[in-house]
Amino acid sequence: MVVDSGAVMLKVQGLHVYYDAIHAVKGISFSVERGEMVTLLGANGAGKTTTLKTISGLLRPRSGNIELEGCSLGGAEPHEIVRLGVAHVPEGRKIFPRLTVLENLKTGGYTRRASSIGEDLDNVFALFPRLKERRQQIAGTLSGGEQQMLAIGRGLMARPKLLLLDEPSMGLAPFLVEQIFDTIRAINREGVTILLVEQNAAMALAFSQRGYVLETGTVILEGKAGDLASNDLVRQAYLGG
């Protein structure tokens, strides 16, 4: 798919988010262009997951603005944001463990017309053949890697313009991490814009075009992924020196 790059898909401006009295995100601003894969780096508690949850409508900002293709998402409910083209694959996968693989995938396509669900499923099964083999299996009995495939597949069932991925490699063996990231790159190459939060900074920067480094709720660094990978602060803090 040919991607019209250069146009802003996501624009976050002056975002402040609180958990009661805790100021978790402190006025951050960043953007993601159409067709890009951009990573958010930072230690635990830096505000990365909070940022993704706010973009997808699961949290409400105290102030600031979030725009998708120039349209403000302010006040929109999570299901409305999904309909606008944003899918969120949360940290910890959050699949429905008592439903089958097929039922989980269908929940991700609830905004789609019934007539298009079959095509969406075919696309997911082409990307993740293991899910096709296990489509009638109870999701809670899948391996960790298979559950992550399912979580991503469920997100893709909404046919998103923008895919928010929160820690897709968490808890996976190294060879599975490579498989998941190869798949994420394939999704991006098909034209899906990706905003990635990932503990494996080296892998995230190797696959992304740009990145932002968050520290205690603020952006302290931003730039091209290659530049961040060679930055002394980033190398010492996230890349093992």
C-alpha atoms as a PDB file:
ATOM      1  CA  MET A   1       0.000   0.000   0.000  1.00  0.00           C
ATOM      2  CA  VAL A   2       1.322   3.447  -0.870  1.00  0.00           C
ATOM      3  CA  VAL A   3       1.145   5.693   2.172  1.00  0.00           C
ATOM      4  CA  ASP A   4       0.646   9.434   1.891  1.00  0.00           C
ATOM      5  CA  SER A   5       3.329  10.368   4.389  1.00  0.00           C
ATOM      6  CA  GLY A   6       3.928  13.868   5.647  1.00  0.00           C
ATOM      7  CA  ALA A   7       0.347  14.510   6.824  1.00  0.00           C
ATOM      8  CA  VAL A   8      -0.203  14.533  10.581  1.00  0.00           C
ATOM      9  CA  MET A   9      -2.301  11.599  11.781  1.00  0.00           C
ATOM     10  CA  LEU A  10      -2.125  12.278  15.527  1.00  0.00           C
ATOM     11  CA  LYS A  11      -1.348  15.549  17.285  1.00  0.00           C
ATOM     12  CA  VAL A  12      -1.138  15.803  21.066  1.00  0.00           C
ATOM     13  CA  GLN A  13      -0.798  19.303  22.531  1.00  0.00           C
ATOM     14  CA  GLY A  14      -0.226  20.336  26.149  1.00  0.00           C
ATOM     15  CA  LEU A  15      -1.714  17.162  27.611  1.00  0.00           C
ATOM     16  CA  HIS A  16      -2.177  17.065  31.391  1.00  0.00           C
ATOM     17  CA  VAL A  17      -3.614  13.914  32.976  1.00  0.00           C
ATOM     18  CA  TYR A  18      -4.220  13.206  36.658  1.00  0.00           C
ATOM     19  CA  TYR A  19      -5.055  10.163  38.774  1.00  0.00           C
ATOM     20  CA  ASP A  20      -6.899  11.979  41.567  1.00  0.00           C
ATOM     21  CA  ALA A  21      -4.143  14.223  42.991  1.00  0.00           C
ATOM     22  CA  ILE A  22      -1.306  12.512  41.114  1.00  0.00           C
ATOM     23  CA  HIS A  23      -0.144  14.509  38.093  1.00  0.00           C
ATOM     24  CA  ALA A  24       0.810  11.646  35.753  1.00  0.00           C
ATOM     25  CA  VAL A  25       1.234  13.487  32.435  1.00  0.00           C
ATOM     26  CA  LYS A  26       2.528  17.049  32.597  1.00  0.00           C
ATOM     27  CA  GLY A  27       1.849  19.032  29.459  1.00  0.00           C
ATOM     28  CA  ILE A  28       3.335  16.726  26.839  1.00  0.00           C
ATOM     29  CA  SER A  29       3.111  17.498  23.142  1.00  0.00           C
ATOM     30  CA  PHE A  30       4.015  15.245  20.218  1.00  0.00           C
ATOM     31  CA  SER A  31       2.814  14.168  16.791  1.00  0.00           C
ATOM     32  CA  VAL A  32       2.678  11.083  14.604  1.00  0.00           C
ATOM     33  CA  GLU A  33       2.576  11.426  10.834  1.00  0.00           C
ATOM     34  CA  ARG A  34       0.448   9.219   8.629  1.00  0.00           C
ATOM     35  CA  GLY A  35       2.225   5.934   7.913  1.00  0.00           C
ATOM     36  CA  GLU A  36       4.834   6.356  10.642  1.00  0.00           C
ATOM     37  CA  MET A  37       5.760   4.078  13.500  1.00  0.00           C
ATOM     38  CA  VAL A  38       6.684   6.211  16.498  1.00  0.00           C
ATOM     39  CA  THR A  39       7.814   4.897  19.867  1.00  0.00           C
ATOM     40  CA  LEU A  40       7.376   6.333  23.355  1.00  0.00           C
ATOM     41  CA  LEU A  41      10.257   5.410  25.667  1.00  0.00           C
ATOM     42  CA  GLY A  42      10.542   5.855  29.398  1.00  0.00           C
ATOM     43  CA  ALA A  43      10.857   4.092  32.716  1.00  0.00           C
ATOM     44  CA  ASN A  44       7.877   2.720  34.638  1.00  0.00           C
ATOM     45  CA  GLY A  45       5.748   5.612  35.800  1.00  0.00           C
ATOM     46  CA  ALA A  46       6.909   7.953  33.037  1.00  0.00           C
ATOM     47  CA  GLY A  47       3.355   8.373  31.715  1.00  0.00           C
ATOM     48  CA  LYS A  48       3.507   6.224  28.583  1.00  0.00           C
ATOM     49  CA  THR A  49       0.515   3.971  29.280  1.00  0.00           C
ATOM     50  CA  THR A  50      -1.441   6.916  30.658  1.00  0.00           C
ATOM     51  CA  THR A  51      -0.854   8.746  27.382  1.00  0.00           C
ATOM     52  CA  LEU A  52      -2.171   5.845  25.293  1.00  0.00           C
ATOM     53  CA  LYS A  53      -5.221   5.444  27.534  1.00  0.00           C
ATOM     54  CA  THR A  54      -5.984   9.138  27.187  1.00  0.00           C
ATOM     55  CA  ILE A  55      -5.712   9.031  23.391  1.00  0.00           C
ATOM     56  CA  SER A  56      -8.143   6.103  23.253  1.00  0.00           C
ATOM     57  CA  GLY A  57     -10.605   7.801  25.614  1.00  0.00           C
ATOM     58  CA  LEU A  58     -10.156   5.491  28.597  1.00  0.00           C
ATOM     59  CA  LEU A  59      -8.871   8.435  30.637  1.00  0.00           C
ATOM     60  CA  ARG A  60      -9.918  12.080  30.494  1.00  0.00           C
ATOM     61  CA  PRO A  61      -7.273  14.801  30.382  1.00  0.00           C
ATOM     62  CA  ARG A  62      -7.446  17.716  32.782  1.00  0.00           C
ATOM     63  CA  SER A  63      -6.355  19.950  29.907  1.00  0.00           C
ATOM     64  CA  GLY A  64      -4.766  19.793  26.489  1.00  0.00           C
ATOM     65  CA  ASN A  65      -5.962  18.591  23.127  1.00  0.00           C
ATOM     66  CA  ILE A  66      -5.743  15.426  21.038  1.00  0.00           C
ATOM     67  CA  GLU A  67      -6.433  15.590  17.312  1.00  0.00           C
ATOM     68  CA  LEU A  68      -6.860  12.758  14.826  1.00  0.00           C
ATOM     69  CA  GLU A  69      -6.347  13.987  11.267  1.00  0.00           C
ATOM     70  CA  GLY A  70      -7.134  17.510  12.384  1.00  0.00           C
ATOM     71  CA  CYS A  71     -10.311  16.644  14.303  1.00  0.00           C
ATOM     72  CA  SER A  72     -10.357  17.025  18.084  1.00  0.00           C
ATOM     73  CA  LEU A  73     -11.100  13.892  20.118  1.00  0.00           C
ATOM     74  CA  GLY A  74     -12.043  15.990  23.137  1.00  0.00           C
ATOM     75  CA  GLY A  75     -15.056  14.526  24.909  1.00  0.00           C
ATOM     76  CA  ALA A  76     -15.368  11.513  22.608  1.00  0.00           C
ATOM     77  CA  GLU A  77     -16.219   8.174  24.204  1.00  0.00           C
ATOM     78  CA  PRO A  78     -13.882   5.194  23.655  1.00  0.00           C
ATOM     79  CA  HIS A  79     -16.266   3.457  21.244  1.00  0.00           C
ATOM     80  CA  GLU A  80     -16.580   6.660  19.220  1.00  0.00           C
ATOM     81  CA  ILE A  81     -12.785   6.936  19.011  1.00  0.00           C
ATOM     82  CA  VAL A  82     -12.634   3.363  17.709  1.00  0.00           C
ATOM     83  CA  ARG A  83     -15.149   4.287  15.006  1.00  0.00           C
ATOM     84  CA  LEU A  84     -12.946   7.245  14.064  1.00  0.00           C
ATOM     85  CA  GLY A  85     -10.061   4.879  13.400  1.00  0.00           C
ATOM     86  CA  VAL A  86      -8.079   4.350  16.613  1.00  0.00           C
ATOM     87  CA  ALA A  87      -7.518   0.865  18.053  1.00  0.00           C
ATOM     88  CA  HIS A  88      -5.748   0.273  21.371  1.00  0.00           C
ATOM     89  CA  VAL A  89      -3.924  -2.990  22.140  1.00  0.00           C
ATOM     90  CA  PRO A  90      -3.452  -2.640  25.898  1.00  0.00           C
ATOM     91  CA  GLU A  91      -0.626  -3.660  28.165  1.00  0.00           C
ATOM     92  CA  GLY A  92      -1.206  -7.193  29.446  1.00  0.00           C
ATOM     93  CA  ARG A  93      -3.241  -8.126  26.325  1.00  0.00           C
ATOM     94  CA  LYS A  94      -6.639  -7.988  28.115  1.00  0.00           C
ATOM     95  CA  ILE A  95      -8.179 -10.713  25.971  1.00  0.00           C
ATOM     96  CA  PHE A  96     -11.437 -12.356  27.040  1.00  0.00           C
ATOM     97  CA  PRO A  97     -10.076 -15.624  28.485  1.00  0.00           C
ATOM     98  CA  ARG A  98     -13.364 -17.562  28.498  1.00  0.00           C
ATOM     99  CA  LEU A  99     -14.219 -16.776  24.892  1.00  0.00           C
ATOM    100  CA  THR A 100     -12.770 -18.607  21.905  1.00  0.00           C
ATOM    101  CA  VAL A 101     -10.166 -17.061  19.644  1.00  0.00           C
ATOM    102  CA  LEU A 102     -12.845 -16.450  17.019  1.00  0.00           C
ATOM    103  CA  GLU A 103     -15.199 -14.825  19.525  1.00  0.00           C
ATOM    104  CA  ASN A 104     -12.409 -12.551  20.767  1.00  0.00           C
ATOM    105  CA  LEU A 105     -11.662 -11.440  17.228  1.00  0.00           C
ATOM    106  CA  LYS A 106     -15.300 -10.742  16.511  1.00  0.00           C
ATOM    107  CA  THR A 107     -15.507  -8.465  19.558  1.00  0.00           C
ATOM    108  CA  GLY A 108     -12.802  -6.346  17.929  1.00  0.00           C
ATOM    109  CA  GLY A 109     -14.944  -5.960  14.832  1.00  0.00           C
ATOM    110  CA  TYR A 110     -18.056  -4.656  16.552  1.00  0.00           C
ATOM    111  CA  THR A 111     -17.824  -1.372  14.649  1.00  0.00           C
ATOM    112  CA  ARG A 112     -17.644  -3.156  11.304  1.00  0.00           C
ATOM    113  CA  ARG A 113     -20.570  -4.102   9.113  1.00  0.00           C
ATOM    114  CA  ALA A 114     -21.464  -7.772   9.504  1.00  0.00           C
ATOM    115  CA  SER A 115     -20.839  -8.305   5.799  1.00  0.00           C
ATOM    116  CA  SER A 116     -17.198  -7.243   6.153  1.00  0.00           C
ATOM    117  CA  ILE A 117     -16.301  -9.366   9.196  1.00  0.00           C
ATOM    118  CA  GLY A 118     -15.326 -12.359   7.068  1.00  0.00           C
ATOM    119  CA  GLU A 119     -12.812 -10.311   5.101  1.00  0.00           C
ATOM    120  CA  ASP A 120     -11.404  -8.840   8.310  1.00  0.00           C
ATOM    121  CA  LEU A 121     -10.976 -12.312   9.790  1.00  0.00           C
ATOM    122  CA  ASP A 122      -9.236 -13.542   6.649  1.00  0.00           C
ATOM    123  CA  ASN A 123      -6.780 -10.657   6.902  1.00  0.00           C
ATOM    124  CA  VAL A 124      -6.010 -11.414  10.552  1.00  0.00           C
ATOM    125  CA  PHE A 125      -5.623 -15.145   9.874  1.00  0.00           C
ATOM    126  CA  ALA A 126      -3.254 -14.386   6.996  1.00  0.00           C
ATOM    127  CA  LEU A 127      -1.150 -12.320   9.370  1.00  0.00           C
ATOM    128  CA  PHE A 128      -1.380 -14.833  12.222  1.00  0.00           C
ATOM    129  CA  PRO A 129      -1.862 -18.369  10.819  1.00  0.00           C
ATOM    130  CA  ARG A 130      -1.576 -19.770  14.363  1.00  0.00           C
ATOM    131  CA  LEU A 131      -4.821 -18.037  15.291  1.00  0.00           C
ATOM    132  CA  LYS A 132      -6.601 -19.692  12.381  1.00  0.00           C
ATOM    133  CA  GLU A 133      -5.423 -23.083  13.633  1.00  0.00           C
ATOM    134  CA  ARG A 134      -6.744 -22.268  17.101  1.00  0.00           C
ATOM    135  CA  ARG A 135      -9.846 -20.280  16.193  1.00  0.00           C
ATOM    136  CA  GLN A 136     -12.161 -22.538  18.262  1.00  0.00           C
ATOM    137  CA  GLN A 137      -9.763 -22.754  21.232  1.00  0.00           C
ATOM    138  CA  ILE A 138     -10.580 -20.999  24.498  1.00  0.00           C
ATOM    139  CA  ALA A 139      -8.387 -17.908  24.521  1.00  0.00           C
ATOM    140  CA  GLY A 140      -7.259 -18.319  28.126  1.00  0.00           C
ATOM    141  CA  THR A 141      -5.523 -21.589  27.218  1.00  0.00           C
ATOM    142  CA  LEU A 142      -3.299 -19.981  24.573  1.00  0.00           C
ATOM    143  CA  SER A 143       0.412 -19.393  25.145  1.00  0.00           C
ATOM    144  CA  GLY A 144       1.610 -15.881  25.951  1.00  0.00           C
ATOM    145  CA  GLY A 145       2.780 -15.324  22.401  1.00  0.00           C
ATOM    146  CA  GLU A 146      -0.512 -16.554  20.959  1.00  0.00           C
ATOM    147  CA  GLN A 147      -2.448 -14.281  23.317  1.00  0.00           C
ATOM    148  CA  GLN A 148      -0.406 -11.315  22.120  1.00  0.00           C
ATOM    149  CA  MET A 149      -1.162 -12.264  18.513  1.00  0.00           C
ATOM    150  CA  LEU A 150      -4.824 -12.416  19.470  1.00  0.00           C
ATOM    151  CA  ALA A 151      -4.735  -9.006  21.159  1.00  0.00           C
ATOM    152  CA  ILE A 152      -3.160  -7.421  18.083  1.00  0.00           C
ATOM    153  CA  GLY A 153      -5.526  -9.280  15.763  1.00  0.00           C
ATOM    154  CA  ARG A 154      -8.513  -8.100  17.767  1.00  0.00           C
ATOM    155  CA  GLY A 155      -7.295  -4.513  17.383  1.00  0.00           C
ATOM    156  CA  LEU A 156      -6.897  -4.937  13.634  1.00  0.00           C
ATOM    157  CA  MET A 157     -10.488  -6.155  13.317  1.00  0.00           C
ATOM    158  CA  ALA A 158     -11.548  -2.520  13.693  1.00  0.00           C
ATOM    159  CA  ARG A 159      -9.521  -1.618  10.568  1.00  0.00           C
ATOM    160  CA  PRO A 160      -7.720   1.187  12.394  1.00  0.00           C
ATOM    161  CA  LYS A 161      -5.932   4.136  10.844  1.00  0.00           C
ATOM    162  CA  LEU A 162      -3.923   4.430  14.064  1.00  0.00           C
ATOM    163  CA  LEU A 163      -2.888   1.434  16.174  1.00  0.00           C
ATOM    164  CA  LEU A 164      -1.791   2.035  19.771  1.00  0.00           C
ATOM    165  CA  LEU A 165       0.441  -0.802  21.004  1.00  0.00           C
ATOM    166  CA  ASP A 166       1.311  -0.971  24.700  1.00  0.00           C
ATOM    167  CA  GLU A 167       4.218  -3.302  25.582  1.00  0.00           C
ATOM    168  CA  PRO A 168       3.599  -5.954  22.891  1.00  0.00           C
ATOM    169  CA  SER A 169       6.763  -7.917  23.826  1.00  0.00           C
ATOM    170  CA  MET A 170       6.162  -8.063  27.574  1.00  0.00           C
ATOM    171  CA  GLY A 171       6.774 -11.537  28.986  1.00  0.00           C
ATOM    172  CA  LEU A 172       7.647 -13.139  25.654  1.00  0.00           C
ATOM    173  CA  ALA A 173      10.667 -15.277  24.794  1.00  0.00           C
ATOM    174  CA  PRO A 174      13.256 -13.526  22.570  1.00  0.00           C
ATOM    175  CA  PHE A 175      12.365 -15.481  19.422  1.00  0.00           C
ATOM    176  CA  LEU A 176       8.690 -14.570  19.883  1.00  0.00           C
ATOM    177  CA  VAL A 177       9.614 -10.922  20.362  1.00  0.00           C
ATOM    178  CA  GLU A 178      11.257 -10.945  16.942  1.00  0.00           C
ATOM    179  CA  GLN A 179       8.182 -12.572  15.390  1.00  0.00           C
ATOM    180  CA  ILE A 180       5.836 -10.030  16.963  1.00  0.00           C
ATOM    181  CA  PHE A 181       7.968  -7.108  15.795  1.00  0.00           C
ATOM    182  CA  ASP A 182       8.245  -8.514  12.282  1.00  0.00           C
ATOM    183  CA  THR A 183       4.455  -8.647  12.232  1.00  0.00           C
ATOM    184  CA  ILE A 184       4.159  -5.110  13.607  1.00  0.00           C
ATOM    185  CA  ARG A 185       6.438  -3.883  10.835  1.00  0.00           C
ATOM    186  CA  ALA A 186       4.292  -5.709   8.261  1.00  0.00           C
ATOM    187  CA  ILE A 187       1.177  -4.028   9.667  1.00  0.00           C
ATOM    188  CA  ASN A 188       2.880  -0.650   9.419  1.00  0.00           C
ATOM    189  CA  ARG A 189       3.971  -1.319   5.849  1.00  0.00           C
ATOM    190  CA  GLU A 190       0.350  -2.019   4.962  1.00  0.00           C
ATOM    191  CA  GLY A 191      -0.407   1.589   5.842  1.00  0.00           C
ATOM    192  CA  VAL A 192      -1.444   1.440   9.496  1.00  0.00           C
ATOM    193  CA  THR A 193       0.101   4.246  11.545  1.00  0.00           C
ATOM    194  CA  ILE A 194       1.514   2.942  14.848  1.00  0.00           C
ATOM    195  CA  LEU A 195       2.229   4.570  18.197  1.00  0.00           C
ATOM    196  CA  LEU A 196       4.275   2.106  20.227  1.00  0.00           C
ATOM    197  CA  VAL A 197       5.094   1.842  23.921  1.00  0.00           C
ATOM    198  CA  GLU A 198       7.748  -0.815  24.428  1.00  0.00           C
ATOM    199  CA  GLN A 199      10.114  -1.874  27.225  1.00  0.00           C
ATOM    200  CA  ASN A 200      12.576  -3.326  24.697  1.00  0.00           C
ATOM    201  CA  ALA A 201      14.010   0.028  23.654  1.00  0.00           C
ATOM    202  CA  ALA A 202      16.575  -1.393  21.238  1.00  0.00           C
ATOM    203  CA  MET A 203      13.927  -3.305  19.305  1.00  0.00           C
ATOM    204  CA  ALA A 204      11.485  -0.408  19.375  1.00  0.00           C
ATOM    205  CA  LEU A 205      14.014   2.069  17.999  1.00  0.00           C
ATOM    206  CA  ALA A 206      15.208  -0.403  15.355  1.00  0.00           C
ATOM    207  CA  PHE A 207      11.676  -0.670  13.949  1.00  0.00           C
ATOM    208  CA  SER A 208      10.430   2.918  14.430  1.00  0.00           C
ATOM    209  CA  GLN A 209      11.075   6.042  12.414  1.00  0.00           C
ATOM    210  CA  ARG A 210      10.984   8.471  15.341  1.00  0.00           C
ATOM    211  CA  GLY A 211      10.710   8.469  19.097  1.00  0.00           C
ATOM    212  CA  TYR A 212       9.999  10.498  22.217  1.00  0.00           C
ATOM    213  CA  VAL A 213      11.508   9.910  25.660  1.00  0.00           C
ATOM    214  CA  LEU A 214       9.228  10.542  28.635  1.00  0.00           C
ATOM    215  CA  GLU A 215      10.401  11.115  32.189  1.00  0.00           C
ATOM    216  CA  THR A 216       7.986  11.693  35.094  1.00  0.00           C
ATOM    217  CA  GLY A 217       5.242  12.819  32.749  1.00  0.00           C
ATOM    218  CA  THR A 218       7.239  15.130  30.503  1.00  0.00           C
ATOM    219  CA  VAL A 219       8.977  14.775  27.124  1.00  0.00           C
ATOM    220  CA  ILE A 220      12.710  15.197  27.674  1.00  0.00           C
ATOM    221  CA  LEU A 221      14.009  14.058  24.277  1.00  0.00           C
ATOM    222  CA  GLU A 222      12.657  13.565  20.778  1.00  0.00           C
ATOM    223  CA  GLY A 223      14.119  12.769  17.388  1.00  0.00           C
ATOM    224  CA  LYS A 224      14.750  10.218  14.713  1.00  0.00           C
ATOM    225  CA  ALA A 225      15.007   6.684  16.044  1.00  0.00           C
ATOM    226  CA  GLY A 226      18.615   6.297  14.925  1.00  0.00           C
ATOM    227  CA  ASP A 227      19.618   9.512  16.648  1.00  0.00           C
ATOM    228  CA  LEU A 228      17.946   8.444  19.881  1.00  0.00           C
ATOM    229  CA  ALA A 229      19.620   5.041  19.723  1.00  0.00           C
ATOM    230  CA  SER A 230      23.023   6.746  19.640  1.00  0.00           C
ATOM    231  CA  ASN A 231      22.172   9.336  22.300  1.00  0.00           C
ATOM    232  CA  ASP A 232      24.273   8.847  25.451  1.00  0.00           C
ATOM    233  CA  LEU A 233      21.361   9.389  27.829  1.00  0.00           C
ATOM    234  CA  VAL A 234      19.166   6.901  25.992  1.00  0.00           C
ATOM    235  CA  ARG A 235      21.971   4.360  25.708  1.00  0.00           C
ATOM    236  CA  GLN A 236      22.759   4.518  29.401  1.00  0.00           C
ATOM    237  CA  ALA A 237      19.159   4.526  30.604  1.00  0.00           C
ATOM    238  CA  TYR A 238      17.485   2.116  28.174  1.00  0.00           C
ATOM    239  CA  LEU A 239      20.055   0.333  26.012  1.00  0.00           C
ATOM    240  CA  GLY A 240      22.439  -0.992  28.621  1.00  0.00           C
ATOM    241  CA  GLY A 241      25.176   1.584  28.014  1.00  0.00           C
END
